[in-house]
Amino acid sequence: MAPLFISDERSIAVSLERLWNVFSDPLAMPKVCAGFFDAIELEGDGGPGTISILKFNPAIKQGSYKTRLVARDDATHFIKSEVLHVPLGRAGKMKSQSTEMKFEAAGVSSCVAKLKLDYELEEGGPLSPEKEKIVLDGYFGMIKRIEDYLIAHPTEYV
């Protein structure tokens, strides 16, 4: 069966430049997502093929989130990653999962985050609307933490 996908977009109340600067520095994630991720390990030079292992705060979830960077385009603010491992969550077990994130300016101090997630469930079929919401809220929850951090620290990642 071909992978299915879900997508959504959300407005972010920080500039495209500042948000992209965070996504350009994977080592920043434990700092800007404190309480969600406790640590990160990188295997590679930061370019395509680099593996990131983000360790969840145990109060959020046990284990780690492991991805491989597939593509990155600084000119168009685009990142594509293949999810190699994520602990079983409320959305169920995925056989495969990849994410595409694109950020677009929406003003001097705001932008839009667009997410597309291709997936295939272990048991086949599509995610229910409730499980789609769980997955999207997880990704956009991470971005919301970054947004909140940047608002609270206006001189960082400029």
N, C-alpha and C. Protein backbone atom coordinates (compact mmCIF):
# COMPACT_ATOMS: atom_id res chain seq x y z
N MET A 1 0.84 -1.18 0.00
CA MET A 1 0.00 0.00 0.00
C MET A 1 0.89 1.25 0.00
N ALA A 2 0.53 2.23 -0.78
CA ALA A 2 1.27 3.49 -0.83
C ALA A 2 1.05 4.27 0.45
N PRO A 3 2.06 5.02 0.86
CA PRO A 3 1.89 5.82 2.08
C PRO A 3 0.75 6.83 1.95
N LEU A 4 0.11 7.09 3.06
CA LEU A 4 -0.94 8.10 3.16
C LEU A 4 -0.30 9.37 3.70
N PHE A 5 -1.04 10.46 3.73
CA PHE A 5 -0.45 11.67 4.30
C PHE A 5 -1.51 12.51 4.99
N ILE A 6 -1.02 13.33 5.91
CA ILE A 6 -1.81 14.36 6.55
C ILE A 6 -0.99 15.64 6.46
N SER A 7 -1.68 16.77 6.48
CA SER A 7 -0.96 18.04 6.41
C SER A 7 -1.76 19.11 7.14
N ASP A 8 -1.05 20.15 7.52
CA ASP A 8 -1.69 21.28 8.20
C ASP A 8 -0.68 22.42 8.20
N GLU A 9 -1.16 23.59 8.55
CA GLU A 9 -0.27 24.74 8.71
C GLU A 9 -0.77 25.58 9.87
N ARG A 10 0.17 26.28 10.49
CA ARG A 10 -0.14 27.13 11.64
C ARG A 10 0.66 28.42 11.56
N SER A 11 0.06 29.48 12.04
CA SER A 11 0.74 30.77 12.14
C SER A 11 1.66 30.77 13.35
N ILE A 12 2.82 31.38 13.19
CA ILE A 12 3.83 31.45 14.25
C ILE A 12 4.15 32.93 14.47
N ALA A 13 4.17 33.35 15.71
CA ALA A 13 4.34 34.77 16.05
C ALA A 13 5.79 35.18 16.25
N VAL A 14 6.68 34.62 15.44
CA VAL A 14 8.08 35.05 15.40
C VAL A 14 8.49 35.11 13.93
N SER A 15 9.56 35.83 13.66
CA SER A 15 9.99 36.00 12.28
C SER A 15 10.48 34.68 11.68
N LEU A 16 10.36 34.60 10.38
CA LEU A 16 10.87 33.44 9.64
C LEU A 16 12.35 33.25 9.92
N GLU A 17 13.11 34.33 9.92
CA GLU A 17 14.56 34.25 10.14
C GLU A 17 14.89 33.61 11.49
N ARG A 18 14.22 34.05 12.55
CA ARG A 18 14.53 33.51 13.88
C ARG A 18 14.12 32.04 13.98
N LEU A 19 12.95 31.69 13.47
CA LEU A 19 12.51 30.30 13.53
C LEU A 19 13.46 29.42 12.72
N TRP A 20 13.83 29.86 11.53
CA TRP A 20 14.74 29.08 10.69
C TRP A 20 16.11 28.93 11.35
N ASN A 21 16.57 29.96 12.05
CA ASN A 21 17.85 29.87 12.76
C ASN A 21 17.83 28.75 13.79
N VAL A 22 16.70 28.53 14.44
CA VAL A 22 16.59 27.41 15.38
C VAL A 22 16.64 26.09 14.62
N PHE A 23 15.87 25.98 13.54
CA PHE A 23 15.86 24.73 12.78
C PHE A 23 17.18 24.49 12.05
N SER A 24 18.01 25.52 11.93
CA SER A 24 19.34 25.37 11.34
C SER A 24 20.38 24.89 12.35
N ASP A 25 19.98 24.83 13.61
CA ASP A 25 20.89 24.44 14.69
C ASP A 25 20.23 23.33 15.51
N PRO A 26 20.31 22.08 15.05
CA PRO A 26 19.64 20.99 15.77
C PRO A 26 20.03 20.90 17.24
N LEU A 27 21.26 21.31 17.57
CA LEU A 27 21.69 21.24 18.97
C LEU A 27 20.91 22.20 19.86
N ALA A 28 20.16 23.13 19.26
CA ALA A 28 19.35 24.07 20.04
C ALA A 28 18.08 23.43 20.59
N MET A 29 17.66 22.32 20.05
CA MET A 29 16.35 21.75 20.41
C MET A 29 16.15 21.51 21.91
N PRO A 30 17.10 20.91 22.62
CA PRO A 30 16.86 20.74 24.07
C PRO A 30 16.71 22.08 24.81
N LYS A 31 17.35 23.12 24.31
CA LYS A 31 17.25 24.43 24.95
C LYS A 31 15.89 25.08 24.65
N VAL A 32 15.50 25.10 23.38
CA VAL A 32 14.26 25.79 23.00
C VAL A 32 13.02 24.93 23.25
N CYS A 33 13.21 23.66 23.47
CA CYS A 33 12.10 22.75 23.80
C CYS A 33 12.33 22.11 25.17
N ALA A 34 12.86 22.92 26.09
CA ALA A 34 13.15 22.41 27.45
C ALA A 34 11.88 21.83 28.05
N GLY A 35 12.04 20.69 28.69
CA GLY A 35 10.89 20.02 29.28
C GLY A 35 10.23 19.04 28.34
N PHE A 36 10.53 19.16 27.05
CA PHE A 36 9.99 18.23 26.05
C PHE A 36 11.10 17.29 25.60
N PHE A 37 12.24 17.89 25.18
CA PHE A 37 13.44 17.12 24.85
C PHE A 37 14.51 17.45 25.88
N ASP A 38 15.20 16.43 26.38
CA ASP A 38 16.27 16.63 27.36
C ASP A 38 17.65 16.69 26.73
N ALA A 39 17.83 16.03 25.58
CA ALA A 39 19.16 15.96 24.96
C ALA A 39 19.02 15.60 23.49
N ILE A 40 20.11 15.84 22.75
CA ILE A 40 20.16 15.45 21.34
C ILE A 40 21.54 14.88 21.04
N GLU A 41 21.56 13.87 20.21
CA GLU A 41 22.81 13.32 19.68
C GLU A 41 22.72 13.42 18.16
N LEU A 42 23.82 13.82 17.54
CA LEU A 42 23.88 13.91 16.08
C LEU A 42 24.92 12.93 15.55
N GLU A 43 24.57 12.26 14.47
CA GLU A 43 25.50 11.38 13.76
C GLU A 43 25.59 11.91 12.34
N GLY A 44 26.66 12.65 12.04
CA GLY A 44 26.82 13.24 10.72
C GLY A 44 27.22 14.70 10.82
N ASP A 45 27.29 15.35 9.66
CA ASP A 45 27.80 16.72 9.59
C ASP A 45 26.69 17.77 9.56
N GLY A 46 25.44 17.38 9.74
CA GLY A 46 24.33 18.31 9.71
C GLY A 46 23.63 18.39 8.37
N GLY A 47 24.25 17.83 7.35
CA GLY A 47 23.65 17.81 6.01
C GLY A 47 22.80 16.57 5.80
N PRO A 48 22.28 16.39 4.57
CA PRO A 48 21.49 15.20 4.28
C PRO A 48 22.21 13.92 4.71
N GLY A 49 21.46 13.03 5.30
CA GLY A 49 22.02 11.79 5.83
C GLY A 49 22.30 11.84 7.32
N THR A 50 22.35 13.05 7.88
CA THR A 50 22.61 13.20 9.32
C THR A 50 21.46 12.60 10.12
N ILE A 51 21.80 11.85 11.13
CA ILE A 51 20.81 11.25 12.03
C ILE A 51 20.78 12.05 13.31
N SER A 52 19.57 12.42 13.72
CA SER A 52 19.34 13.13 14.99
C SER A 52 18.58 12.21 15.92
N ILE A 53 19.04 12.13 17.15
CA ILE A 53 18.34 11.36 18.18
C ILE A 53 17.99 12.32 19.30
N LEU A 54 16.70 12.68 19.37
CA LEU A 54 16.20 13.58 20.40
C LEU A 54 15.64 12.74 21.54
N LYS A 55 16.14 12.96 22.73
CA LYS A 55 15.69 12.19 23.90
C LYS A 55 14.58 12.95 24.61
N PHE A 56 13.43 12.30 24.71
CA PHE A 56 12.28 12.91 25.36
C PHE A 56 12.52 13.08 26.85
N ASN A 57 11.93 14.11 27.42
CA ASN A 57 11.85 14.24 28.87
C ASN A 57 10.93 13.11 29.33
N PRO A 58 11.34 12.30 30.32
CA PRO A 58 10.51 11.16 30.75
C PRO A 58 9.10 11.56 31.21
N ALA A 59 8.90 12.80 31.62
CA ALA A 59 7.56 13.23 32.01
C ALA A 59 6.63 13.33 30.80
N ILE A 60 7.21 13.48 29.60
CA ILE A 60 6.43 13.59 28.36
C ILE A 60 6.23 12.22 27.74
N LYS A 61 7.33 11.50 27.55
CA LYS A 61 7.30 10.21 26.87
C LYS A 61 8.62 9.50 27.16
N GLN A 62 8.60 8.22 27.20
CA GLN A 62 9.82 7.44 27.40
C GLN A 62 10.51 7.25 26.06
N GLY A 63 11.83 7.31 26.06
CA GLY A 63 12.58 6.97 24.87
C GLY A 63 13.05 8.17 24.07
N SER A 64 13.25 7.93 22.79
CA SER A 64 13.81 8.96 21.92
C SER A 64 13.13 8.96 20.56
N TYR A 65 13.37 10.03 19.83
CA TYR A 65 12.81 10.27 18.50
C TYR A 65 14.00 10.36 17.56
N LYS A 66 14.09 9.42 16.63
CA LYS A 66 15.27 9.31 15.77
C LYS A 66 14.87 9.60 14.32
N THR A 67 15.57 10.56 13.70
CA THR A 67 15.27 10.91 12.31
C THR A 67 16.54 10.97 11.47
N ARG A 68 16.35 10.89 10.16
CA ARG A 68 17.44 11.08 9.20
C ARG A 68 17.05 12.25 8.31
N LEU A 69 17.93 13.24 8.21
CA LEU A 69 17.69 14.38 7.34
C LEU A 69 17.80 13.92 5.89
N VAL A 70 16.73 14.12 5.13
CA VAL A 70 16.70 13.73 3.72
C VAL A 70 17.08 14.91 2.84
N ALA A 71 16.49 16.07 3.12
CA ALA A 71 16.75 17.26 2.31
C ALA A 71 16.59 18.50 3.17
N ARG A 72 17.36 19.51 2.80
CA ARG A 72 17.29 20.79 3.50
C ARG A 72 17.60 21.87 2.48
N ASP A 73 16.74 22.90 2.41
CA ASP A 73 16.95 24.00 1.48
C ASP A 73 16.83 25.31 2.24
N ASP A 74 17.96 25.96 2.48
CA ASP A 74 17.96 27.21 3.23
C ASP A 74 17.26 28.33 2.47
N ALA A 75 17.30 28.30 1.14
CA ALA A 75 16.68 29.36 0.34
C ALA A 75 15.16 29.33 0.44
N THR A 76 14.58 28.12 0.50
CA THR A 76 13.11 28.01 0.56
C THR A 76 12.61 27.62 1.95
N HIS A 77 13.53 27.49 2.92
CA HIS A 77 13.18 27.15 4.31
C HIS A 77 12.39 25.84 4.37
N PHE A 78 12.98 24.81 3.81
CA PHE A 78 12.34 23.50 3.67
C PHE A 78 13.24 22.44 4.29
N ILE A 79 12.62 21.53 5.04
CA ILE A 79 13.32 20.38 5.63
C ILE A 79 12.47 19.14 5.41
N LYS A 80 13.12 18.06 4.97
CA LYS A 80 12.45 16.76 4.88
C LYS A 80 13.25 15.77 5.68
N SER A 81 12.56 15.02 6.55
CA SER A 81 13.21 14.02 7.39
C SER A 81 12.44 12.72 7.34
N GLU A 82 13.18 11.64 7.45
CA GLU A 82 12.60 10.31 7.57
C GLU A 82 12.65 9.93 9.05
N VAL A 83 11.52 9.55 9.59
CA VAL A 83 11.48 9.13 10.99
C VAL A 83 11.91 7.67 11.05
N LEU A 84 13.00 7.42 11.79
CA LEU A 84 13.53 6.07 11.91
C LEU A 84 12.97 5.34 13.12
N HIS A 85 12.66 6.12 14.18
CA HIS A 85 12.11 5.50 15.39
C HIS A 85 11.41 6.57 16.22
N VAL A 86 10.26 6.21 16.72
CA VAL A 86 9.55 7.02 17.70
C VAL A 86 8.83 6.03 18.62
N PRO A 87 8.84 6.28 19.93
CA PRO A 87 8.14 5.35 20.82
C PRO A 87 6.66 5.27 20.47
N LEU A 88 6.07 4.14 20.73
CA LEU A 88 4.65 3.95 20.49
C LEU A 88 3.88 5.00 21.28
N GLY A 89 3.03 5.69 20.60
CA GLY A 89 2.23 6.73 21.26
C GLY A 89 0.75 6.47 21.08
N ARG A 90 -0.02 7.48 21.39
CA ARG A 90 -1.47 7.35 21.32
C ARG A 90 -1.98 7.24 19.89
N ALA A 91 -1.16 7.58 18.89
CA ALA A 91 -1.58 7.50 17.50
C ALA A 91 -1.38 6.11 16.91
N GLY A 92 -0.67 5.23 17.61
CA GLY A 92 -0.44 3.88 17.11
C GLY A 92 0.94 3.72 16.49
N LYS A 93 1.22 2.51 16.03
CA LYS A 93 2.55 2.17 15.49
C LYS A 93 2.59 2.43 13.99
N MET A 94 3.59 3.21 13.58
CA MET A 94 3.77 3.52 12.17
C MET A 94 4.82 2.58 11.58
N LYS A 95 4.53 2.05 10.40
CA LYS A 95 5.49 1.23 9.68
C LYS A 95 6.54 2.13 9.03
N SER A 96 6.09 3.27 8.52
CA SER A 96 7.01 4.27 7.96
C SER A 96 6.41 5.65 8.17
N GLN A 97 7.31 6.64 8.23
CA GLN A 97 6.86 8.00 8.49
C GLN A 97 7.94 8.96 8.00
N SER A 98 7.54 9.99 7.27
CA SER A 98 8.47 11.05 6.89
C SER A 98 7.74 12.39 7.01
N THR A 99 8.51 13.42 7.27
CA THR A 99 7.93 14.74 7.46
C THR A 99 8.58 15.74 6.50
N GLU A 100 7.76 16.65 6.02
CA GLU A 100 8.24 17.79 5.26
C GLU A 100 7.73 19.02 5.99
N MET A 101 8.66 19.93 6.30
CA MET A 101 8.28 21.18 6.95
C MET A 101 8.78 22.32 6.08
N LYS A 102 7.90 23.28 5.85
CA LYS A 102 8.25 24.47 5.08
C LYS A 102 7.77 25.67 5.87
N PHE A 103 8.63 26.67 5.94
CA PHE A 103 8.30 27.89 6.68
C PHE A 103 8.28 29.05 5.69
N GLU A 104 7.24 29.88 5.81
CA GLU A 104 7.09 31.03 4.91
C GLU A 104 6.83 32.28 5.73
N ALA A 105 7.44 33.39 5.32
CA ALA A 105 7.21 34.67 6.00
C ALA A 105 5.75 35.08 5.85
N ALA A 106 5.22 35.68 6.90
CA ALA A 106 3.85 36.18 6.87
C ALA A 106 3.82 37.62 7.39
N GLY A 107 4.96 38.24 7.42
CA GLY A 107 5.12 39.59 7.95
C GLY A 107 6.51 39.72 8.54
N VAL A 108 6.81 40.88 9.06
CA VAL A 108 8.14 41.13 9.62
C VAL A 108 8.43 40.24 10.82
N SER A 109 7.43 40.03 11.65
CA SER A 109 7.65 39.25 12.88
C SER A 109 6.70 38.07 13.00
N SER A 110 6.36 37.47 11.86
CA SER A 110 5.52 36.27 11.90
C SER A 110 5.80 35.41 10.67
N CYS A 111 5.42 34.16 10.79
CA CYS A 111 5.59 33.23 9.67
C CYS A 111 4.53 32.14 9.76
N VAL A 112 4.52 31.28 8.76
CA VAL A 112 3.61 30.15 8.71
C VAL A 112 4.44 28.88 8.63
N ALA A 113 4.11 27.92 9.46
CA ALA A 113 4.75 26.61 9.43
C ALA A 113 3.79 25.64 8.74
N LYS A 114 4.28 24.99 7.68
CA LYS A 114 3.48 24.03 6.92
C LYS A 114 4.10 22.65 7.11
N LEU A 115 3.27 21.70 7.48
CA LEU A 115 3.73 20.34 7.75
C LEU A 115 3.00 19.36 6.86
N LYS A 116 3.74 18.44 6.27
CA LYS A 116 3.15 17.30 5.56
C LYS A 116 3.82 16.06 6.13
N LEU A 117 3.01 15.10 6.53
CA LEU A 117 3.52 13.86 7.10
C LEU A 117 3.02 12.70 6.25
N ASP A 118 3.94 11.99 5.61
CA ASP A 118 3.61 10.76 4.89
C ASP A 118 3.78 9.61 5.86
N TYR A 119 2.83 8.67 5.86
CA TYR A 119 2.92 7.59 6.83
C TYR A 119 2.29 6.32 6.28
N GLU A 120 2.66 5.23 6.91
CA GLU A 120 2.03 3.94 6.69
C GLU A 120 1.93 3.27 8.05
N LEU A 121 0.72 2.90 8.43
CA LEU A 121 0.51 2.25 9.71
C LEU A 121 0.86 0.78 9.64
N GLU A 122 1.32 0.23 10.76
CA GLU A 122 1.63 -1.21 10.83
C GLU A 122 0.40 -2.04 10.43
N GLU A 123 -0.77 -1.64 10.92
CA GLU A 123 -1.98 -2.42 10.65
C GLU A 123 -2.66 -2.00 9.35
N GLY A 124 -2.05 -1.06 8.61
CA GLY A 124 -2.63 -0.59 7.35
C GLY A 124 -3.74 0.42 7.59
N GLY A 125 -4.24 0.97 6.52
CA GLY A 125 -5.34 1.92 6.60
C GLY A 125 -4.90 3.30 7.06
N PRO A 126 -5.84 4.22 7.08
CA PRO A 126 -5.53 5.60 7.48
C PRO A 126 -5.66 5.81 8.98
N LEU A 127 -5.05 6.89 9.45
CA LEU A 127 -5.27 7.34 10.82
C LEU A 127 -6.70 7.84 10.95
N SER A 128 -7.29 7.61 12.09
CA SER A 128 -8.60 8.19 12.36
C SER A 128 -8.43 9.71 12.51
N PRO A 129 -9.49 10.49 12.37
CA PRO A 129 -9.36 11.93 12.58
C PRO A 129 -8.80 12.28 13.97
N GLU A 130 -9.16 11.51 14.98
CA GLU A 130 -8.65 11.75 16.33
C GLU A 130 -7.14 11.52 16.39
N LYS A 131 -6.67 10.46 15.74
CA LYS A 131 -5.24 10.16 15.75
C LYS A 131 -4.46 11.13 14.86
N GLU A 132 -5.08 11.60 13.76
CA GLU A 132 -4.44 12.65 12.96
C GLU A 132 -4.18 13.87 13.82
N LYS A 133 -5.17 14.25 14.62
CA LYS A 133 -5.05 15.42 15.50
C LYS A 133 -3.92 15.21 16.51
N ILE A 134 -3.81 14.02 17.07
CA ILE A 134 -2.74 13.71 18.03
C ILE A 134 -1.37 13.92 17.38
N VAL A 135 -1.20 13.40 16.17
CA VAL A 135 0.08 13.52 15.47
C VAL A 135 0.39 14.97 15.15
N LEU A 136 -0.57 15.67 14.55
CA LEU A 136 -0.34 17.07 14.18
C LEU A 136 -0.09 17.93 15.41
N ASP A 137 -0.85 17.70 16.47
CA ASP A 137 -0.65 18.47 17.71
C ASP A 137 0.73 18.22 18.31
N GLY A 138 1.26 17.01 18.13
CA GLY A 138 2.61 16.72 18.63
C GLY A 138 3.66 17.55 17.91
N TYR A 139 3.61 17.56 16.58
CA TYR A 139 4.58 18.34 15.81
C TYR A 139 4.41 19.84 16.07
N PHE A 140 3.17 20.32 16.00
CA PHE A 140 2.96 21.75 16.20
C PHE A 140 3.14 22.15 17.66
N GLY A 141 3.00 21.20 18.58
CA GLY A 141 3.31 21.47 19.98
C GLY A 141 4.79 21.77 20.16
N MET A 142 5.64 21.04 19.44
CA MET A 142 7.08 21.30 19.48
C MET A 142 7.36 22.70 18.93
N ILE A 143 6.74 23.04 17.81
CA ILE A 143 6.95 24.37 17.22
C ILE A 143 6.43 25.46 18.15
N LYS A 144 5.34 25.20 18.84
CA LYS A 144 4.80 26.17 19.80
C LYS A 144 5.80 26.41 20.93
N ARG A 145 6.47 25.37 21.39
CA ARG A 145 7.49 25.54 22.43
C ARG A 145 8.63 26.41 21.92
N ILE A 146 9.03 26.21 20.67
CA ILE A 146 10.08 27.03 20.08
C ILE A 146 9.61 28.48 19.98
N GLU A 147 8.40 28.68 19.51
CA GLU A 147 7.83 30.02 19.42
C GLU A 147 7.81 30.70 20.78
N ASP A 148 7.33 30.01 21.80
CA ASP A 148 7.27 30.58 23.15
C ASP A 148 8.67 30.95 23.65
N TYR A 149 9.64 30.08 23.38
CA TYR A 149 11.02 30.36 23.80
C TYR A 149 11.53 31.63 23.10
N LEU A 150 11.32 31.72 21.80
CA LEU A 150 11.82 32.87 21.05
C LEU A 150 11.15 34.17 21.49
N ILE A 151 9.88 34.11 21.81
CA ILE A 151 9.18 35.30 22.31
C ILE A 151 9.76 35.73 23.66
N ALA A 152 10.04 34.75 24.51
CA ALA A 152 10.58 35.04 25.84
C ALA A 152 12.04 35.49 25.80
N HIS A 153 12.75 35.19 24.72
CA HIS A 153 14.18 35.50 24.57
C HIS A 153 14.39 36.24 23.25
N PRO A 154 13.94 37.49 23.18
CA PRO A 154 13.93 38.22 21.89
C PRO A 154 15.29 38.51 21.28
N THR A 155 16.36 38.36 22.04
CA THR A 155 17.68 38.63 21.47
C THR A 155 18.41 37.37 21.01
N GLU A 156 17.78 36.22 21.18
CA GLU A 156 18.43 34.97 20.75
C GLU A 156 17.97 34.56 19.35
N TYR A 157 18.84 33.89 18.63
CA TYR A 157 18.58 33.36 17.29
C TYR A 157 18.15 34.45 16.32
N VAL A 158 18.82 35.61 16.42
CA VAL A 158 18.52 36.72 15.49
C VAL A 158 19.50 36.71 14.33
